[in-house]
PDB file of N, CA and C in Angstrom:
ATOM      1  N   MET A   1     236.183  70.079  27.234  1.00  0.00           N
ATOM      2  CA  MET A   1     235.689  68.800  27.590  1.00  0.00           C
ATOM      3  C   MET A   1     234.431  68.482  26.831  1.00  0.00           C
ATOM      4  N   SER A   2     234.320  67.283  26.249  1.00  0.00           N
ATOM      5  CA  SER A   2     233.146  66.962  25.479  1.00  0.00           C
ATOM      6  C   SER A   2     231.971  66.595  26.333  1.00  0.00           C
ATOM      7  N   LYS A   3     230.785  66.462  25.770  1.00  0.00           N
ATOM      8  CA  LYS A   3     229.646  66.098  26.653  1.00  0.00           C
ATOM      9  C   LYS A   3     229.847  64.557  27.094  1.00  0.00           C
ATOM     10  N   LEU A   4     230.480  63.793  26.319  1.00  0.00           N
ATOM     11  CA  LEU A   4     230.719  62.399  26.727  1.00  0.00           C
ATOM     12  C   LEU A   4     231.763  62.290  27.889  1.00  0.00           C
ATOM     13  N   GLU A   5     232.835  63.037  27.744  1.00  0.00           N
ATOM     14  CA  GLU A   5     233.832  63.173  28.744  1.00  0.00           C
ATOM     15  C   GLU A   5     233.253  63.597  30.053  1.00  0.00           C
ATOM     16  N   GLU A   6     232.423  64.683  29.966  1.00  0.00           N
ATOM     17  CA  GLU A   6     231.751  65.193  31.114  1.00  0.00           C
ATOM     18  C   GLU A   6     230.834  64.134  31.803  1.00  0.00           C
ATOM     19  N   LEU A   7     230.034  63.481  30.937  1.00  0.00           N
ATOM     20  CA  LEU A   7     229.214  62.446  31.602  1.00  0.00           C
ATOM     21  C   LEU A   7     229.981  61.286  32.249  1.00  0.00           C
ATOM     22  N   VAL A   8     231.075  60.885  31.568  1.00  0.00           N
ATOM     23  CA  VAL A   8     231.953  59.747  32.158  1.00  0.00           C
ATOM     24  C   VAL A   8     232.515  60.222  33.466  1.00  0.00           C
ATOM     25  N   PHE A   9     232.939  61.389  33.610  1.00  0.00           N
ATOM     26  CA  PHE A   9     233.699  61.880  34.772  1.00  0.00           C
ATOM     27  C   PHE A   9     232.596  62.207  35.899  1.00  0.00           C
ATOM     28  N   GLN A  10     231.485  62.602  35.625  1.00  0.00           N
ATOM     29  CA  GLN A  10     230.378  62.837  36.491  1.00  0.00           C
ATOM     30  C   GLN A  10     230.065  61.474  37.101  1.00  0.00           C
ATOM     31  N   ALA A  11     229.863  60.508  36.223  1.00  0.00           N
ATOM     32  CA  ALA A  11     229.465  59.136  36.629  1.00  0.00           C
ATOM     33  C   ALA A  11     230.571  58.438  37.570  1.00  0.00           C
ATOM     34  N   LEU A  12     231.883  58.630  37.144  1.00  0.00           N
ATOM     35  CA  LEU A  12     232.867  58.159  38.050  1.00  0.00           C
ATOM     36  C   LEU A  12     232.934  58.855  39.438  1.00  0.00           C
ATOM     37  N   GLY A  13     232.609  60.090  39.421  1.00  0.00           N
ATOM     38  CA  GLY A  13     232.558  60.898  40.691  1.00  0.00           C
ATOM     39  C   GLY A  13     231.434  60.376  41.630  1.00  0.00           C
ATOM     40  N   GLU A  14     230.330  60.172  41.000  1.00  0.00           N
ATOM     41  CA  GLU A  14     229.101  59.625  41.739  1.00  0.00           C
ATOM     42  C   GLU A  14     229.365  58.294  42.165  1.00  0.00           C
ATOM     43  N   ALA A  15     229.965  57.376  41.340  1.00  0.00           N
ATOM     44  CA  ALA A  15     230.149  55.922  41.666  1.00  0.00           C
ATOM     45  C   ALA A  15     231.225  55.858  42.821  1.00  0.00           C
ATOM     46  N   SER A  16     232.167  56.851  42.913  1.00  0.00           N
ATOM     47  CA  SER A  16     233.120  56.776  43.878  1.00  0.00           C
ATOM     48  C   SER A  16     232.522  56.926  45.389  1.00  0.00           C
ATOM     49  N   MET A  17     231.247  57.418  45.436  1.00  0.00           N
ATOM     50  CA  MET A  17     230.589  57.797  46.601  1.00  0.00           C
ATOM     51  C   MET A  17     229.554  56.779  47.009  1.00  0.00           C
ATOM     52  N   CYS A  18     229.513  55.538  46.316  1.00  0.00           N
ATOM     53  CA  CYS A  18     228.546  54.504  46.525  1.00  0.00           C
ATOM     54  C   CYS A  18     228.872  53.637  47.582  1.00  0.00           C
ATOM     55  N   TRP A  19     229.077  54.064  48.779  1.00  0.00           N
ATOM     56  CA  TRP A  19     229.474  53.311  49.919  1.00  0.00           C
ATOM     57  C   TRP A  19     228.449  53.460  51.062  1.00  0.00           C
ATOM     58  N   SER A  20     228.239  52.472  51.786  1.00  0.00           N
ATOM     59  CA  SER A  20     227.355  52.690  52.950  1.00  0.00           C
ATOM     60  C   SER A  20     227.878  53.508  53.976  1.00  0.00           C
ATOM     61  N   GLU A  21     229.236  53.456  54.158  1.00  0.00           N
ATOM     62  CA  GLU A  21     230.008  54.347  54.969  1.00  0.00           C
ATOM     63  C   GLU A  21     231.156  54.875  53.985  1.00  0.00           C
ATOM     64  N   ARG A  22     231.409  56.091  54.043  1.00  0.00           N
ATOM     65  CA  ARG A  22     232.442  56.820  53.233  1.00  0.00           C
ATOM     66  C   ARG A  22     233.845  56.124  53.615  1.00  0.00           C
ATOM     67  N   PRO A  23     234.621  55.920  52.541  1.00  0.00           N
ATOM     68  CA  PRO A  23     235.891  55.411  52.921  1.00  0.00           C
ATOM     69  C   PRO A  23     236.768  56.533  53.500  1.00  0.00           C
ATOM     70  N   LYS A  24     237.790  56.089  54.166  1.00  0.00           N
ATOM     71  CA  LYS A  24     238.795  57.026  54.738  1.00  0.00           C
ATOM     72  C   LYS A  24     240.104  57.045  53.935  1.00  0.00           C
ATOM     73  N   GLY A  25     240.833  58.085  54.002  1.00  0.00           N
ATOM     74  CA  GLY A  25     242.088  58.271  53.285  1.00  0.00           C
ATOM     75  C   GLY A  25     242.003  59.274  52.310  1.00  0.00           C
ATOM     76  N   VAL A  26     242.925  59.274  51.355  1.00  0.00           N
ATOM     77  CA  VAL A  26     243.128  60.338  50.366  1.00  0.00           C
ATOM     78  C   VAL A  26     242.614  59.764  49.080  1.00  0.00           C
ATOM     79  N   PHE A  27     241.733  60.517  48.346  1.00  0.00           N
ATOM     80  CA  PHE A  27     241.154  60.103  47.143  1.00  0.00           C
ATOM     81  C   PHE A  27     242.317  60.458  46.035  1.00  0.00           C
ATOM     82  N   ASP A  28     242.629  59.379  45.290  1.00  0.00           N
ATOM     83  CA  ASP A  28     243.597  59.532  44.201  1.00  0.00           C
ATOM     84  C   ASP A  28     243.006  60.025  42.977  1.00  0.00           C
ATOM     85  N   SER A  29     242.755  61.346  42.837  1.00  0.00           N
ATOM     86  CA  SER A  29     242.256  61.899  41.644  1.00  0.00           C
ATOM     87  C   SER A  29     242.989  61.750  40.421  1.00  0.00           C
ATOM     88  N   ASP A  30     244.244  61.633  40.400  1.00  0.00           N
ATOM     89  CA  ASP A  30     245.017  61.329  39.272  1.00  0.00           C
ATOM     90  C   ASP A  30     244.669  59.877  38.673  1.00  0.00           C
ATOM     91  N   HIS A  31     244.553  58.908  39.643  1.00  0.00           N
ATOM     92  CA  HIS A  31     244.104  57.589  39.173  1.00  0.00           C
ATOM     93  C   HIS A  31     242.737  57.603  38.552  1.00  0.00           C
ATOM     94  N   ALA A  32     241.798  58.419  39.232  1.00  0.00           N
ATOM     95  CA  ALA A  32     240.427  58.460  38.630  1.00  0.00           C
ATOM     96  C   ALA A  32     240.396  59.060  37.409  1.00  0.00           C
ATOM     97  N   LYS A  33     241.310  60.088  37.111  1.00  0.00           N
ATOM     98  CA  LYS A  33     241.256  60.737  35.762  1.00  0.00           C
ATOM     99  C   LYS A  33     241.824  59.746  34.752  1.00  0.00           C
ATOM    100  N   GLU A  34     242.827  58.989  35.185  1.00  0.00           N
ATOM    101  CA  GLU A  34     243.311  57.967  34.194  1.00  0.00           C
ATOM    102  C   GLU A  34     242.204  56.867  33.834  1.00  0.00           C
ATOM    103  N   VAL A  35     241.561  56.408  34.806  1.00  0.00           N
ATOM    104  CA  VAL A  35     240.385  55.566  34.557  1.00  0.00           C
ATOM    105  C   VAL A  35     239.349  56.192  33.699  1.00  0.00           C
ATOM    106  N   GLY A  36     239.061  57.447  33.878  1.00  0.00           N
ATOM    107  CA  GLY A  36     237.971  58.194  33.017  1.00  0.00           C
ATOM    108  C   GLY A  36     238.633  58.351  31.638  1.00  0.00           C
ATOM    109  N   HIS A  37     239.764  58.607  31.491  1.00  0.00           N
ATOM    110  CA  HIS A  37     240.330  58.843  30.122  1.00  0.00           C
ATOM    111  C   HIS A  37     240.351  57.510  29.382  1.00  0.00           C
ATOM    112  N   LYS A  38     240.603  56.401  30.057  1.00  0.00           N
ATOM    113  CA  LYS A  38     240.643  55.125  29.455  1.00  0.00           C
ATOM    114  C   LYS A  38     239.292  54.685  29.008  1.00  0.00           C
ATOM    115  N   LEU A  39     238.245  54.940  29.797  1.00  0.00           N
ATOM    116  CA  LEU A  39     236.928  54.526  29.493  1.00  0.00           C
ATOM    117  C   LEU A  39     236.384  55.431  28.307  1.00  0.00           C
ATOM    118  N   VAL A  40     236.692  56.673  28.321  1.00  0.00           N
ATOM    119  CA  VAL A  40     236.376  57.581  27.171  1.00  0.00           C
ATOM    120  C   VAL A  40     236.943  57.043  25.835  1.00  0.00           C
ATOM    121  N   ALA A  41     238.207  56.752  25.911  1.00  0.00           N
ATOM    122  CA  ALA A  41     238.938  56.223  24.716  1.00  0.00           C
ATOM    123  C   ALA A  41     238.265  54.901  24.237  1.00  0.00           C
ATOM    124  N   ALA A  42     237.871  54.062  25.288  1.00  0.00           N
ATOM    125  CA  ALA A  42     237.331  52.744  24.715  1.00  0.00           C
ATOM    126  C   ALA A  42     235.973  52.967  24.205  1.00  0.00           C
ATOM    127  N   ILE A  43     235.132  53.961  24.750  1.00  0.00           N
ATOM    128  CA  ILE A  43     233.902  54.186  24.137  1.00  0.00           C
ATOM    129  C   ILE A  43     233.887  54.862  22.737  1.00  0.00           C
ATOM    130  N   LYS A  44     234.996  55.701  22.575  1.00  0.00           N
ATOM    131  CA  LYS A  44     235.235  56.392  21.252  1.00  0.00           C
ATOM    132  C   LYS A  44     235.631  55.391  20.280  1.00  0.00           C
ATOM    133  N   ASP A  45     236.428  54.325  20.724  1.00  0.00           N
ATOM    134  CA  ASP A  45     236.947  53.281  19.806  1.00  0.00           C
ATOM    135  C   ASP A  45     235.735  52.388  19.371  1.00  0.00           C
ATOM    136  N   GLN A  46     234.836  52.160  20.376  1.00  0.00           N
ATOM    137  CA  GLN A  46     233.701  51.312  19.862  1.00  0.00           C
ATOM    138  C   GLN A  46     232.710  52.009  19.006  1.00  0.00           C
ATOM    139  N   GLN A  47     232.578  53.369  19.235  1.00  0.00           N
ATOM    140  CA  GLN A  47     231.748  54.185  18.277  1.00  0.00           C
ATOM    141  C   GLN A  47     232.347  54.204  16.894  1.00  0.00           C
ATOM    142  N   SER A  48     233.716  54.267  16.850  1.00  0.00           N
ATOM    143  CA  SER A  48     234.280  54.181  15.384  1.00  0.00           C
ATOM    144  C   SER A  48     233.918  52.895  14.721  1.00  0.00           C
ATOM    145  N   HIS A  49     233.689  51.878  15.432  1.00  0.00           N
ATOM    146  CA  HIS A  49     233.506  50.525  14.731  1.00  0.00           C
ATOM    147  C   HIS A  49     231.995  50.319  14.596  1.00  0.00           C
ATOM    148  N   ALA A  50     231.149  51.140  15.034  1.00  0.00           N
ATOM    149  CA  ALA A  50     229.731  50.956  14.955  1.00  0.00           C
ATOM    150  C   ALA A  50     229.161  51.173  13.476  1.00  0.00           C
ATOM    151  N   LEU A  51     228.237  50.376  13.146  1.00  0.00           N
ATOM    152  CA  LEU A  51     227.627  50.513  11.895  1.00  0.00           C
ATOM    153  C   LEU A  51     226.711  51.764  11.946  1.00  0.00           C
ATOM    154  N   THR A  52     226.815  52.666  11.008  1.00  0.00           N
ATOM    155  CA  THR A  52     225.900  53.807  10.925  1.00  0.00           C
ATOM    156  C   THR A  52     225.272  53.888   9.577  1.00  0.00           C
ATOM    157  N   LEU A  53     224.084  54.380   9.594  1.00  0.00           N
ATOM    158  CA  LEU A  53     223.284  54.562   8.414  1.00  0.00           C
ATOM    159  C   LEU A  53     223.006  55.994   8.106  1.00  0.00           C
ATOM    160  N   SER A  54     223.949  56.839   8.747  1.00  0.00           N
ATOM    161  CA  SER A  54     223.717  58.227   8.690  1.00  0.00           C
ATOM    162  C   SER A  54     224.001  58.785   7.220  1.00  0.00           C
ATOM    163  N   PRO A  55     223.348  59.706   6.712  1.00  0.00           N
ATOM    164  CA  PRO A  55     221.994  60.119   7.232  1.00  0.00           C
ATOM    165  C   PRO A  55     220.978  59.105   6.684  1.00  0.00           C
ATOM    166  N   ALA A  56     220.325  58.488   7.720  1.00  0.00           N
ATOM    167  CA  ALA A  56     219.280  57.489   7.295  1.00  0.00           C
ATOM    168  C   ALA A  56     218.015  58.323   6.923  1.00  0.00           C
ATOM    169  N   ARG A  57     217.316  57.690   6.024  1.00  0.00           N
ATOM    170  CA  ARG A  57     216.118  58.492   5.532  1.00  0.00           C
ATOM    171  C   ARG A  57     214.920  57.481   5.694  1.00  0.00           C
ATOM    172  N   MET A  58     213.755  57.987   5.937  1.00  0.00           N
ATOM    173  CA  MET A  58     212.527  57.213   6.096  1.00  0.00           C
ATOM    174  C   MET A  58     211.386  57.851   5.278  1.00  0.00           C
ATOM    175  N   LYS A  59     210.520  56.974   4.813  1.00  0.00           N
ATOM    176  CA  LYS A  59     209.402  57.332   4.181  1.00  0.00           C
ATOM    177  C   LYS A  59     208.277  57.043   5.149  1.00  0.00           C
ATOM    178  N   ASN A  60     207.130  57.954   5.124  1.00  0.00           N
ATOM    179  CA  ASN A  60     206.014  57.827   6.016  1.00  0.00           C
ATOM    180  C   ASN A  60     206.352  57.919   7.428  1.00  0.00           C
ATOM    181  N   LEU A  61     207.424  58.760   7.871  1.00  0.00           N
ATOM    182  CA  LEU A  61     207.863  59.014   9.172  1.00  0.00           C
ATOM    183  C   LEU A  61     206.639  59.460  10.036  1.00  0.00           C
ATOM    184  N   GLN A  62     206.539  58.681  11.190  1.00  0.00           N
ATOM    185  CA  GLN A  62     205.499  59.091  12.218  1.00  0.00           C
ATOM    186  C   GLN A  62     206.257  59.113  13.545  1.00  0.00           C
ATOM    187  N   ILE A  63     206.358  60.243  14.171  1.00  0.00           N
ATOM    188  CA  ILE A  63     206.984  60.386  15.480  1.00  0.00           C
ATOM    189  C   ILE A  63     205.879  59.987  16.499  1.00  0.00           C
ATOM    190  N   THR A  64     206.317  59.036  17.307  1.00  0.00           N
ATOM    191  CA  THR A  64     205.319  58.443  18.224  1.00  0.00           C
ATOM    192  C   THR A  64     205.574  58.975  19.669  1.00  0.00           C
ATOM    193  N   SER A  65     206.719  59.486  20.019  1.00  0.00           N
ATOM    194  CA  SER A  65     206.958  60.049  21.378  1.00  0.00           C
ATOM    195  C   SER A  65     208.153  60.934  21.370  1.00  0.00           C
ATOM    196  N   ARG A  66     208.185  61.896  22.276  1.00  0.00           N
ATOM    197  CA  ARG A  66     209.291  62.889  22.554  1.00  0.00           C
ATOM    198  C   ARG A  66     209.767  62.806  23.982  1.00  0.00           C
ATOM    199  N   CYS A  67     210.940  63.049  24.131  1.00  0.00           N
ATOM    200  CA  CYS A  67     211.510  63.119  25.618  1.00  0.00           C
ATOM    201  C   CYS A  67     211.080  64.400  26.263  1.00  0.00           C
ATOM    202  N   PRO A  68     210.446  64.263  27.535  1.00  0.00           N
ATOM    203  CA  PRO A  68     210.010  65.579  28.060  1.00  0.00           C
ATOM    204  C   PRO A  68     211.178  66.401  28.581  1.00  0.00           C
ATOM    205  N   SER A  69     212.361  65.772  28.833  1.00  0.00           N
ATOM    206  CA  SER A  69     213.491  66.506  29.223  1.00  0.00           C
ATOM    207  C   SER A  69     214.180  67.336  28.118  1.00  0.00           C
ATOM    208  N   CYS A  70     214.542  66.525  26.976  1.00  0.00           N
ATOM    209  CA  CYS A  70     215.358  67.304  26.003  1.00  0.00           C
ATOM    210  C   CYS A  70     214.496  67.625  24.725  1.00  0.00           C
ATOM    211  N   GLY A  71     213.288  67.038  24.565  1.00  0.00           N
ATOM    212  CA  GLY A  71     212.410  67.347  23.465  1.00  0.00           C
ATOM    213  C   GLY A  71     212.809  66.535  22.205  1.00  0.00           C
ATOM    214  N   LYS A  72     213.801  65.695  22.247  1.00  0.00           N
ATOM    215  CA  LYS A  72     214.218  64.938  21.102  1.00  0.00           C
ATOM    216  C   LYS A  72     213.300  63.718  20.979  1.00  0.00           C
ATOM    217  N   VAL A  73     213.310  63.140  19.765  1.00  0.00           N
ATOM    218  CA  VAL A  73     212.455  61.905  19.567  1.00  0.00           C
ATOM    219  C   VAL A  73     212.784  60.790  20.414  1.00  0.00           C
ATOM    220  N   LYS A  74     211.874  60.007  20.950  1.00  0.00           N
ATOM    221  CA  LYS A  74     212.125  58.863  21.615  1.00  0.00           C
ATOM    222  C   LYS A  74     211.594  57.573  20.855  1.00  0.00           C
ATOM    223  N   GLY A  75     210.653  57.886  20.046  1.00  0.00           N
ATOM    224  CA  GLY A  75     210.020  56.818  19.209  1.00  0.00           C
ATOM    225  C   GLY A  75     209.478  57.296  17.908  1.00  0.00           C
ATOM    226  N   TYR A  76     209.583  56.375  16.945  1.00  0.00           N
ATOM    227  CA  TYR A  76     209.047  56.742  15.596  1.00  0.00           C
ATOM    228  C   TYR A  76     208.962  55.486  14.756  1.00  0.00           C
ATOM    229  N   SER A  77     208.162  55.581  13.683  1.00  0.00           N
ATOM    230  CA  SER A  77     207.889  54.432  12.828  1.00  0.00           C
ATOM    231  C   SER A  77     207.911  54.973  11.306  1.00  0.00           C
ATOM    232  N   GLY A  78     208.110  54.026  10.485  1.00  0.00           N
ATOM    233  CA  GLY A  78     208.177  54.416   9.069  1.00  0.00           C
ATOM    234  C   GLY A  78     208.932  53.314   8.322  1.00  0.00           C
ATOM    235  N   MET A  79     209.172  53.711   6.979  1.00  0.00           N
ATOM    236  CA  MET A  79     209.832  52.737   6.195  1.00  0.00           C
ATOM    237  C   MET A  79     211.290  53.255   5.945  1.00  0.00           C
ATOM    238  N   LEU A  80     212.191  52.470   6.448  1.00  0.00           N
ATOM    239  CA  LEU A  80     213.598  52.921   6.259  1.00  0.00           C
ATOM    240  C   LEU A  80     213.959  52.692   4.739  1.00  0.00           C
ATOM    241  N   MET A  81     214.561  53.738   4.192  1.00  0.00           N
ATOM    242  CA  MET A  81     214.910  53.683   2.781  1.00  0.00           C
ATOM    243  C   MET A  81     216.449  53.348   2.742  1.00  0.00           C
ATOM    244  N   MET A  82     216.756  52.293   1.881  1.00  0.00           N
ATOM    245  CA  MET A  82     218.166  51.782   1.731  1.00  0.00           C
ATOM    246  C   MET A  82     218.628  52.008   0.326  1.00  0.00           C
ATOM    247  N   GLY A  83     219.939  52.115   0.182  1.00  0.00           N
ATOM    248  CA  GLY A  83     220.688  52.063  -1.088  1.00  0.00           C
ATOM    249  C   GLY A  83     220.143  53.350  -1.994  1.00  0.00           C
ATOM    250  N   GLY A  84     219.971  53.029  -3.222  1.00  0.00           N
ATOM    251  CA  GLY A  84     219.478  53.994  -4.205  1.00  0.00           C
ATOM    252  C   GLY A  84     218.031  54.471  -3.929  1.00  0.00           C
ATOM    253  N   SER A  85     217.287  53.763  -3.250  1.00  0.00           N
ATOM    254  CA  SER A  85     215.901  54.216  -2.836  1.00  0.00           C
ATOM    255  C   SER A  85     215.864  55.406  -1.868  1.00  0.00           C
ATOM    256  N   SER A  86     217.019  55.662  -1.217  1.00  0.00           N
ATOM    257  CA  SER A  86     217.083  56.824  -0.318  1.00  0.00           C
ATOM    258  C   SER A  86     216.961  58.154  -1.018  1.00  0.00           C
ATOM    259  N   ASP A  87     217.007  58.102  -2.388  1.00  0.00           N
ATOM    260  CA  ASP A  87     216.824  59.425  -3.149  1.00  0.00           C
ATOM    261  C   ASP A  87     215.339  59.708  -3.292  1.00  0.00           C
ATOM    262  N   ASP A  88     214.530  58.887  -2.799  1.00  0.00           N
ATOM    263  CA  ASP A  88     213.029  59.184  -2.898  1.00  0.00           C
ATOM    264  C   ASP A  88     212.772  60.555  -2.387  1.00  0.00           C
ATOM    265  N   GLU A  89     212.058  61.440  -3.090  1.00  0.00           N
ATOM    266  CA  GLU A  89     211.635  62.732  -2.636  1.00  0.00           C
ATOM    267  C   GLU A  89     210.737  62.771  -1.511  1.00  0.00           C
ATOM    268  N   GLU A  90     209.924  61.784  -1.192  1.00  0.00           N
ATOM    269  CA  GLU A  90     209.126  61.704  -0.129  1.00  0.00           C
ATOM    270  C   GLU A  90     209.795  61.248   1.223  1.00  0.00           C
ATOM    271  N   ALA A  91     211.043  60.788   1.017  1.00  0.00           N
ATOM    272  CA  ALA A  91     211.791  60.345   2.144  1.00  0.00           C
ATOM    273  C   ALA A  91     212.277  61.489   2.989  1.00  0.00           C
ATOM    274  N   VAL A  92     212.343  61.429   4.226  1.00  0.00           N
ATOM    275  CA  VAL A  92     212.917  62.496   5.147  1.00  0.00           C
ATOM    276  C   VAL A  92     214.004  61.882   6.073  1.00  0.00           C
ATOM    277  N   GLU A  93     214.862  62.822   6.456  1.00  0.00           N
ATOM    278  CA  GLU A  93     216.041  62.402   7.274  1.00  0.00           C
ATOM    279  C   GLU A  93     215.474  61.886   8.772  1.00  0.00           C
ATOM    280  N   VAL A  94     215.898  60.857   9.191  1.00  0.00           N
ATOM    281  CA  VAL A  94     215.552  60.324  10.469  1.00  0.00           C
ATOM    282  C   VAL A  94     216.070  61.322  11.564  1.00  0.00           C
ATOM    283  N   PRO A  95     215.072  61.710  12.472  1.00  0.00           N
ATOM    284  CA  PRO A  95     215.534  62.741  13.426  1.00  0.00           C
ATOM    285  C   PRO A  95     216.363  62.202  14.476  1.00  0.00           C
ATOM    286  N   GLU A  96     217.191  63.125  15.112  1.00  0.00           N
ATOM    287  CA  GLU A  96     218.167  62.694  16.238  1.00  0.00           C
ATOM    288  C   GLU A  96     217.246  62.234  17.487  1.00  0.00           C
ATOM    289  N   THR A  97     217.669  61.145  17.960  1.00  0.00           N
ATOM    290  CA  THR A  97     216.866  60.449  19.112  1.00  0.00           C
ATOM    291  C   THR A  97     217.467  60.893  20.445  1.00  0.00           C
ATOM    292  N   CYS A  98     216.596  60.882  21.366  1.00  0.00           N
ATOM    293  CA  CYS A  98     216.895  61.163  22.820  1.00  0.00           C
ATOM    294  C   CYS A  98     217.951  60.073  23.368  1.00  0.00           C
ATOM    295  N   MET A  99     218.852  60.530  23.996  1.00  0.00           N
ATOM    296  CA  MET A  99     219.865  59.601  24.706  1.00  0.00           C
ATOM    297  C   MET A  99     219.864  59.719  26.195  1.00  0.00           C
ATOM    298  N   CYS A 100     218.888  60.595  26.631  1.00  0.00           N
ATOM    299  CA  CYS A 100     218.832  60.849  28.202  1.00  0.00           C
ATOM    300  C   CYS A 100     218.797  59.558  29.037  1.00  0.00           C
ATOM    301  N   GLY A 101     217.996  58.606  28.587  1.00  0.00           N
ATOM    302  CA  GLY A 101     217.855  57.373  29.242  1.00  0.00           C
ATOM    303  C   GLY A 101     219.105  56.521  29.471  1.00  0.00           C
ATOM    304  N   MET A 102     220.093  56.820  28.570  1.00  0.00           N
ATOM    305  CA  MET A 102     221.322  56.093  28.730  1.00  0.00           C
ATOM    306  C   MET A 102     222.144  56.415  29.944  1.00  0.00           C
ATOM    307  N   TRP A 103     221.847  57.645  30.501  1.00  0.00           N
ATOM    308  CA  TRP A 103     222.645  58.090  31.606  1.00  0.00           C
ATOM    309  C   TRP A 103     221.880  58.178  32.916  1.00  0.00           C
ATOM    310  N   ARG A 104     220.637  57.852  32.902  1.00  0.00           N
ATOM    311  CA  ARG A 104     219.776  57.805  34.101  1.00  0.00           C
ATOM    312  C   ARG A 104     219.893  56.402  34.773  1.00  0.00           C
ATOM    313  N   SER A 105     219.912  56.454  36.096  1.00  0.00           N
ATOM    314  CA  SER A 105     219.887  55.190  36.753  1.00  0.00           C
ATOM    315  C   SER A 105     218.413  54.668  36.818  1.00  0.00           C
ATOM    316  N   GLN A 106     218.248  53.418  36.599  1.00  0.00           N
ATOM    317  CA  GLN A 106     216.988  52.784  36.469  1.00  0.00           C
ATOM    318  C   GLN A 106     216.367  52.461  37.870  1.00  0.00           C
TER     319      GLN A 106
END
């Protein structure tokens, strides 16, 4: 199971318990799995249509903050290099950014 699938199914399980009083009856786990698989497929479809600049490169990269949980970059600044200018020797690859906040409840 991918990390995305794991997060989707954990969220579905948690959301199924968001009642002031727990519902009675039998939980339809097959239907819950179907909902989860449809959601994962929709997310993956959207990701395939997303514009990506990978591998993006920046000149004068300054990391401004890191996530205390995963250690990945949360903020940075610099000059994004586009097209042929991305061959500049001073440009560095943009670091992977933290996605922890996407899955935390606010």
